[in-house]
N, C-alpha and C. Protein backbone atom coordinates (compact mmCIF):
# COMPACT_ATOMS: atom_id res chain seq x y z
N MET A 1 12.40 -14.60 78.44
CA MET A 1 13.12 -13.68 77.61
C MET A 1 14.63 -13.82 77.80
N SER A 2 15.03 -14.18 79.01
CA SER A 2 16.47 -14.38 79.21
C SER A 2 16.97 -15.59 78.42
N LEU A 3 16.14 -16.62 78.31
CA LEU A 3 16.53 -17.78 77.49
C LEU A 3 16.64 -17.38 76.02
N SER A 4 15.74 -16.53 75.59
CA SER A 4 15.81 -16.04 74.21
C SER A 4 17.09 -15.25 73.98
N ALA A 5 17.46 -14.41 74.95
CA ALA A 5 18.69 -13.63 74.83
C ALA A 5 19.91 -14.54 74.82
N LEU A 6 19.93 -15.53 75.71
CA LEU A 6 21.05 -16.46 75.75
C LEU A 6 21.17 -17.25 74.45
N PHE A 7 20.03 -17.72 73.95
CA PHE A 7 20.03 -18.45 72.69
C PHE A 7 20.48 -17.55 71.54
N GLY A 8 20.03 -16.28 71.56
CA GLY A 8 20.44 -15.34 70.52
C GLY A 8 21.94 -15.07 70.55
N LEU A 9 22.50 -14.96 71.75
CA LEU A 9 23.94 -14.75 71.87
C LEU A 9 24.71 -15.97 71.39
N TRP A 10 24.24 -17.15 71.77
CA TRP A 10 24.89 -18.38 71.34
C TRP A 10 24.79 -18.55 69.82
N LEU A 11 23.61 -18.24 69.28
CA LEU A 11 23.38 -18.37 67.85
C LEU A 11 24.29 -17.45 67.04
N ARG A 12 24.57 -16.29 67.58
CA ARG A 12 25.41 -15.32 66.89
C ARG A 12 26.90 -15.48 67.23
N ASP A 13 27.22 -16.51 68.02
CA ASP A 13 28.59 -16.82 68.40
C ASP A 13 29.27 -15.64 69.09
N TRP A 14 28.61 -15.12 70.10
CA TRP A 14 29.14 -13.98 70.85
C TRP A 14 30.41 -14.40 71.57
N GLN A 15 31.47 -13.64 71.43
CA GLN A 15 32.79 -14.06 71.91
C GLN A 15 33.02 -13.85 73.40
N THR A 16 32.31 -12.94 74.04
CA THR A 16 32.55 -12.66 75.45
C THR A 16 31.56 -13.45 76.31
N ALA A 17 31.89 -14.70 76.55
CA ALA A 17 31.00 -15.60 77.30
C ALA A 17 30.81 -15.14 78.75
N SER A 18 31.73 -14.38 79.27
CA SER A 18 31.59 -13.90 80.64
C SER A 18 30.44 -12.90 80.80
N HIS A 19 29.96 -12.35 79.71
CA HIS A 19 28.86 -11.38 79.77
C HIS A 19 27.50 -11.99 79.48
N TYR A 20 27.43 -13.28 79.29
CA TYR A 20 26.14 -13.93 79.03
C TYR A 20 25.17 -13.73 80.19
N LEU A 21 25.64 -13.96 81.41
CA LEU A 21 24.76 -13.86 82.57
C LEU A 21 24.23 -12.44 82.78
N PRO A 22 25.06 -11.39 82.75
CA PRO A 22 24.50 -10.04 82.90
C PRO A 22 23.46 -9.68 81.83
N VAL A 23 23.70 -10.09 80.60
CA VAL A 23 22.74 -9.82 79.52
C VAL A 23 21.44 -10.57 79.80
N ALA A 24 21.55 -11.82 80.20
CA ALA A 24 20.36 -12.62 80.52
C ALA A 24 19.59 -12.00 81.69
N LEU A 25 20.29 -11.47 82.67
CA LEU A 25 19.61 -10.85 83.81
C LEU A 25 18.87 -9.57 83.42
N VAL A 26 19.44 -8.80 82.52
CA VAL A 26 18.75 -7.59 82.04
C VAL A 26 17.46 -7.98 81.32
N PHE A 27 17.54 -8.99 80.48
CA PHE A 27 16.34 -9.44 79.75
C PHE A 27 15.32 -10.05 80.71
N ALA A 28 15.78 -10.77 81.72
CA ALA A 28 14.87 -11.35 82.71
C ALA A 28 14.19 -10.26 83.51
N ALA A 29 14.94 -9.25 83.92
CA ALA A 29 14.36 -8.15 84.68
C ALA A 29 13.31 -7.41 83.87
N GLY A 30 13.60 -7.15 82.62
CA GLY A 30 12.62 -6.49 81.75
C GLY A 30 11.36 -7.29 81.60
N GLY A 31 11.49 -8.60 81.43
CA GLY A 31 10.32 -9.46 81.28
C GLY A 31 9.50 -9.57 82.56
N VAL A 32 10.19 -9.67 83.70
CA VAL A 32 9.48 -9.80 84.98
C VAL A 32 8.73 -8.51 85.32
N ILE A 33 9.34 -7.38 85.10
CA ILE A 33 8.67 -6.11 85.39
C ILE A 33 7.52 -5.86 84.42
N ALA A 34 7.70 -6.25 83.17
CA ALA A 34 6.68 -5.99 82.15
C ALA A 34 5.46 -6.89 82.27
N PHE A 35 5.62 -8.12 82.78
CA PHE A 35 4.54 -9.09 82.73
C PHE A 35 3.24 -8.60 83.38
N PRO A 36 3.24 -8.14 84.62
CA PRO A 36 1.94 -7.74 85.21
C PRO A 36 1.31 -6.53 84.51
N LEU A 37 2.12 -5.59 84.07
CA LEU A 37 1.58 -4.43 83.38
C LEU A 37 1.05 -4.79 82.00
N ALA A 38 1.75 -5.68 81.30
CA ALA A 38 1.28 -6.13 79.99
C ALA A 38 0.01 -6.95 80.13
N LEU A 39 -0.07 -7.78 81.15
CA LEU A 39 -1.27 -8.58 81.37
C LEU A 39 -2.47 -7.69 81.67
N PHE A 40 -2.27 -6.69 82.51
CA PHE A 40 -3.34 -5.74 82.82
C PHE A 40 -3.79 -5.00 81.57
N SER A 41 -2.83 -4.53 80.80
CA SER A 41 -3.15 -3.79 79.57
C SER A 41 -3.85 -4.69 78.55
N ALA A 42 -3.39 -5.92 78.42
CA ALA A 42 -4.02 -6.85 77.48
C ALA A 42 -5.46 -7.13 77.87
N ARG A 43 -5.69 -7.31 79.16
CA ARG A 43 -7.06 -7.56 79.61
C ARG A 43 -7.92 -6.31 79.48
N LEU A 44 -7.34 -5.16 79.69
CA LEU A 44 -8.09 -3.91 79.57
C LEU A 44 -8.59 -3.72 78.14
N PHE A 45 -7.74 -4.00 77.16
CA PHE A 45 -8.11 -3.76 75.77
C PHE A 45 -8.67 -4.98 75.05
N GLY A 46 -8.47 -6.18 75.61
CA GLY A 46 -8.90 -7.37 74.90
C GLY A 46 -10.09 -8.11 75.49
N LEU A 47 -10.42 -7.82 76.74
CA LEU A 47 -11.50 -8.54 77.41
C LEU A 47 -12.84 -8.23 76.79
N GLY A 48 -13.61 -9.25 76.48
CA GLY A 48 -14.93 -9.07 75.89
C GLY A 48 -14.93 -8.84 74.40
N ARG A 49 -13.77 -8.92 73.78
CA ARG A 49 -13.68 -8.72 72.33
C ARG A 49 -13.54 -10.08 71.64
N ARG A 50 -13.63 -10.06 70.33
CA ARG A 50 -13.44 -11.29 69.55
C ARG A 50 -12.04 -11.84 69.78
N HIS A 51 -11.88 -13.10 69.46
CA HIS A 51 -10.61 -13.77 69.71
C HIS A 51 -9.43 -13.07 69.02
N GLU A 52 -9.64 -12.64 67.78
CA GLU A 52 -8.57 -11.97 67.03
C GLU A 52 -8.16 -10.66 67.68
N ALA A 53 -9.15 -9.91 68.14
CA ALA A 53 -8.85 -8.63 68.80
C ALA A 53 -8.15 -8.85 70.13
N ALA A 54 -8.58 -9.87 70.87
CA ALA A 54 -7.94 -10.18 72.15
C ALA A 54 -6.49 -10.63 71.92
N PHE A 55 -6.28 -11.43 70.88
CA PHE A 55 -4.91 -11.86 70.56
C PHE A 55 -4.05 -10.66 70.19
N ALA A 56 -4.58 -9.77 69.35
CA ALA A 56 -3.82 -8.59 68.93
C ALA A 56 -3.49 -7.69 70.12
N ALA A 57 -4.45 -7.49 71.00
CA ALA A 57 -4.21 -6.65 72.18
C ALA A 57 -3.14 -7.27 73.07
N THR A 58 -3.22 -8.57 73.25
CA THR A 58 -2.24 -9.25 74.08
C THR A 58 -0.87 -9.23 73.43
N PHE A 59 -0.80 -9.50 72.15
CA PHE A 59 0.46 -9.52 71.41
C PHE A 59 1.15 -8.16 71.49
N ILE A 60 0.40 -7.11 71.22
CA ILE A 60 0.98 -5.76 71.24
C ILE A 60 1.38 -5.35 72.65
N ALA A 61 0.53 -5.64 73.63
CA ALA A 61 0.83 -5.25 75.02
C ALA A 61 2.10 -5.94 75.50
N PHE A 62 2.20 -7.23 75.29
CA PHE A 62 3.39 -7.95 75.75
C PHE A 62 4.64 -7.53 74.99
N ALA A 63 4.54 -7.29 73.71
CA ALA A 63 5.70 -6.86 72.94
C ALA A 63 6.18 -5.48 73.39
N VAL A 64 5.27 -4.54 73.49
CA VAL A 64 5.64 -3.17 73.84
C VAL A 64 6.19 -3.09 75.26
N PHE A 65 5.50 -3.69 76.22
CA PHE A 65 5.95 -3.59 77.60
C PHE A 65 7.25 -4.35 77.83
N THR A 66 7.40 -5.52 77.24
CA THR A 66 8.63 -6.28 77.45
C THR A 66 9.83 -5.57 76.84
N ILE A 67 9.70 -5.13 75.61
CA ILE A 67 10.81 -4.42 74.98
C ILE A 67 11.07 -3.10 75.69
N GLY A 68 10.01 -2.40 76.08
CA GLY A 68 10.18 -1.11 76.75
C GLY A 68 10.87 -1.23 78.09
N PHE A 69 10.45 -2.17 78.92
CA PHE A 69 11.08 -2.29 80.24
C PHE A 69 12.47 -2.90 80.17
N THR A 70 12.72 -3.75 79.20
CA THR A 70 14.08 -4.26 79.03
C THR A 70 15.00 -3.14 78.55
N ALA A 71 14.51 -2.30 77.66
CA ALA A 71 15.29 -1.14 77.22
C ALA A 71 15.55 -0.20 78.38
N LEU A 72 14.55 -0.01 79.24
CA LEU A 72 14.74 0.85 80.42
C LEU A 72 15.77 0.26 81.38
N ALA A 73 15.73 -1.05 81.61
CA ALA A 73 16.74 -1.69 82.46
C ALA A 73 18.14 -1.52 81.85
N PHE A 74 18.24 -1.69 80.53
CA PHE A 74 19.52 -1.49 79.85
C PHE A 74 19.98 -0.03 79.99
N ALA A 75 19.05 0.90 79.86
CA ALA A 75 19.39 2.32 79.96
C ALA A 75 19.88 2.68 81.36
N ILE A 76 19.29 2.08 82.37
CA ILE A 76 19.74 2.35 83.75
C ILE A 76 21.17 1.85 83.95
N LEU A 77 21.47 0.66 83.46
CA LEU A 77 22.83 0.15 83.57
C LEU A 77 23.81 0.97 82.73
N TYR A 78 23.40 1.36 81.56
CA TYR A 78 24.21 2.18 80.66
C TYR A 78 24.52 3.52 81.33
N ARG A 79 23.49 4.11 81.90
CA ARG A 79 23.65 5.40 82.58
C ARG A 79 24.55 5.28 83.80
N SER A 80 24.41 4.19 84.56
CA SER A 80 25.25 4.04 85.76
C SER A 80 26.72 3.89 85.39
N TYR A 81 27.00 3.29 84.23
CA TYR A 81 28.38 3.17 83.78
C TYR A 81 28.96 4.55 83.44
N TYR A 82 28.20 5.35 82.70
CA TYR A 82 28.71 6.65 82.27
C TYR A 82 28.56 7.75 83.31
N ALA A 83 27.90 7.49 84.41
CA ALA A 83 27.69 8.50 85.45
C ALA A 83 29.01 8.99 86.06
N GLU A 84 30.02 8.17 86.01
CA GLU A 84 31.32 8.54 86.55
C GLU A 84 31.89 9.79 85.87
N TRP A 85 31.57 9.97 84.61
CA TRP A 85 32.12 11.09 83.84
C TRP A 85 31.12 12.24 83.67
N HIS A 86 29.98 12.15 84.32
CA HIS A 86 28.96 13.19 84.19
C HIS A 86 29.11 14.27 85.24
N ALA A 87 28.44 15.36 85.00
CA ALA A 87 28.48 16.52 85.90
C ALA A 87 27.80 16.18 87.23
N PRO A 88 27.98 17.04 88.23
CA PRO A 88 27.31 16.81 89.52
C PRO A 88 25.78 16.74 89.34
N ALA A 89 25.16 15.95 90.21
CA ALA A 89 23.73 15.66 90.09
C ALA A 89 22.87 16.93 90.19
N PHE A 90 21.79 16.92 89.43
CA PHE A 90 20.73 17.93 89.43
C PHE A 90 21.18 19.30 88.94
N THR A 91 22.24 19.34 88.13
CA THR A 91 22.61 20.57 87.45
C THR A 91 22.03 20.51 86.04
N ILE A 92 22.03 21.63 85.36
CA ILE A 92 21.51 21.67 83.99
C ILE A 92 22.31 20.72 83.09
N THR A 93 23.62 20.76 83.22
CA THR A 93 24.47 19.88 82.41
C THR A 93 24.14 18.41 82.69
N TRP A 94 23.97 18.08 83.97
CA TRP A 94 23.64 16.71 84.36
C TRP A 94 22.31 16.26 83.77
N ILE A 95 21.33 17.16 83.74
CA ILE A 95 20.02 16.81 83.16
C ILE A 95 20.17 16.51 81.67
N PHE A 96 20.92 17.34 80.95
CA PHE A 96 21.16 17.07 79.54
C PHE A 96 21.90 15.73 79.36
N GLN A 97 22.89 15.48 80.18
CA GLN A 97 23.63 14.23 80.08
C GLN A 97 22.73 13.04 80.39
N LEU A 98 21.87 13.17 81.37
CA LEU A 98 20.94 12.10 81.71
C LEU A 98 19.99 11.80 80.56
N VAL A 99 19.41 12.85 80.00
CA VAL A 99 18.44 12.68 78.91
C VAL A 99 19.10 12.05 77.69
N PHE A 100 20.25 12.58 77.28
CA PHE A 100 20.88 12.10 76.06
C PHE A 100 21.56 10.74 76.24
N THR A 101 22.07 10.46 77.42
CA THR A 101 22.63 9.13 77.68
C THR A 101 21.53 8.09 77.67
N THR A 102 20.40 8.41 78.29
CA THR A 102 19.27 7.48 78.30
C THR A 102 18.73 7.28 76.89
N ALA A 103 18.59 8.35 76.15
CA ALA A 103 18.08 8.23 74.77
C ALA A 103 19.03 7.41 73.90
N SER A 104 20.33 7.62 74.05
CA SER A 104 21.27 6.84 73.24
C SER A 104 21.28 5.38 73.67
N ALA A 105 21.09 5.10 74.95
CA ALA A 105 21.02 3.71 75.41
C ALA A 105 19.79 3.02 74.85
N ILE A 106 18.67 3.70 74.85
CA ILE A 106 17.44 3.11 74.30
C ILE A 106 17.59 2.90 72.79
N GLY A 107 18.20 3.85 72.11
CA GLY A 107 18.46 3.68 70.68
C GLY A 107 19.39 2.52 70.40
N GLN A 108 20.43 2.40 71.21
CA GLN A 108 21.36 1.29 71.04
C GLN A 108 20.66 -0.04 71.31
N PHE A 109 19.80 -0.09 72.32
CA PHE A 109 19.06 -1.31 72.60
C PHE A 109 18.11 -1.63 71.45
N ALA A 110 17.48 -0.61 70.89
CA ALA A 110 16.55 -0.84 69.78
C ALA A 110 17.27 -1.48 68.59
N VAL A 111 18.50 -1.08 68.36
CA VAL A 111 19.24 -1.60 67.22
C VAL A 111 19.89 -2.95 67.53
N LEU A 112 20.52 -3.06 68.69
CA LEU A 112 21.30 -4.26 68.99
C LEU A 112 20.58 -5.26 69.91
N GLY A 113 19.74 -4.76 70.79
CA GLY A 113 19.13 -5.64 71.79
C GLY A 113 17.89 -6.35 71.34
N THR A 114 17.08 -5.72 70.52
CA THR A 114 15.82 -6.34 70.13
C THR A 114 16.02 -7.59 69.26
N ARG A 115 17.13 -7.68 68.58
CA ARG A 115 17.35 -8.87 67.76
C ARG A 115 17.57 -10.11 68.61
N LEU A 116 17.86 -9.94 69.90
CA LEU A 116 18.03 -11.10 70.77
C LEU A 116 16.69 -11.72 71.16
N TYR A 117 15.60 -11.07 70.81
CA TYR A 117 14.28 -11.65 71.03
C TYR A 117 13.93 -12.68 69.95
N PHE A 118 14.70 -12.71 68.89
CA PHE A 118 14.41 -13.63 67.78
C PHE A 118 15.37 -14.79 67.82
N PRO A 119 14.98 -15.99 67.59
CA PRO A 119 13.67 -16.47 67.22
C PRO A 119 12.81 -16.90 68.41
N LEU A 120 13.43 -17.21 69.56
CA LEU A 120 12.66 -17.78 70.68
C LEU A 120 11.67 -16.80 71.30
N GLY A 121 12.07 -15.56 71.47
CA GLY A 121 11.18 -14.57 72.09
C GLY A 121 9.92 -14.34 71.28
N PHE A 122 10.06 -14.33 69.99
CA PHE A 122 8.91 -14.12 69.11
C PHE A 122 7.95 -15.29 69.19
N VAL A 123 8.48 -16.50 69.26
CA VAL A 123 7.65 -17.70 69.40
C VAL A 123 6.94 -17.68 70.76
N ALA A 124 7.68 -17.32 71.82
CA ALA A 124 7.09 -17.24 73.16
C ALA A 124 6.01 -16.17 73.20
N LEU A 125 6.24 -15.06 72.53
CA LEU A 125 5.25 -13.98 72.48
C LEU A 125 3.96 -14.46 71.81
N GLY A 126 4.08 -15.14 70.70
CA GLY A 126 2.90 -15.68 70.03
C GLY A 126 2.17 -16.70 70.88
N ALA A 127 2.92 -17.57 71.56
CA ALA A 127 2.29 -18.61 72.39
C ALA A 127 1.57 -18.02 73.59
N ILE A 128 2.22 -17.09 74.29
CA ILE A 128 1.58 -16.49 75.47
C ILE A 128 0.38 -15.64 75.06
N SER A 129 0.48 -14.99 73.92
CA SER A 129 -0.64 -14.17 73.44
C SER A 129 -1.84 -15.04 73.10
N ALA A 130 -1.60 -16.15 72.43
CA ALA A 130 -2.69 -17.05 72.09
C ALA A 130 -3.32 -17.66 73.34
N TRP A 131 -2.49 -18.05 74.29
CA TRP A 131 -2.98 -18.66 75.52
C TRP A 131 -3.83 -17.68 76.34
N ILE A 132 -3.32 -16.47 76.51
CA ILE A 132 -4.07 -15.47 77.30
C ILE A 132 -5.32 -15.04 76.57
N ALA A 133 -5.26 -14.90 75.25
CA ALA A 133 -6.46 -14.52 74.49
C ALA A 133 -7.54 -15.58 74.61
N MET A 134 -7.16 -16.86 74.62
CA MET A 134 -8.14 -17.94 74.80
C MET A 134 -8.74 -17.92 76.21
N LYS A 135 -7.92 -17.57 77.20
CA LYS A 135 -8.40 -17.50 78.59
C LYS A 135 -9.35 -16.32 78.81
N MET A 136 -9.25 -15.29 78.00
CA MET A 136 -10.10 -14.11 78.15
C MET A 136 -11.53 -14.39 77.72
N ARG A 137 -11.76 -15.35 76.88
CA ARG A 137 -13.10 -15.63 76.37
C ARG A 137 -13.93 -16.31 77.37
């Protein structure tokens, strides 16, 4: 996924080359954390089913977990940046700031970050889904 993000940044001619590595690391962290959970979920829902159902379960599991955990990694970094201006920890104001900062980070990732999965991430998703679905039979 980090290669997909790097390729997506290069393809879009991103001007801040110094930020390529941090972006790639966020995408790598999301993919590494998501892989075992997505694999477990894919096997839970796809094992013993027809090839098409196993492929669909694997495709959905890997897509949802990878995007979800990468968005969570982005939200943690986003939150740590804005924490300097937030209220003291564990106050009501801080809880609201935490919730809304995290929600806005996930929304921002959904709009700007998910496009970095195309085209390489989508191809990798299809390939890994087909491979794992064939191994489940």
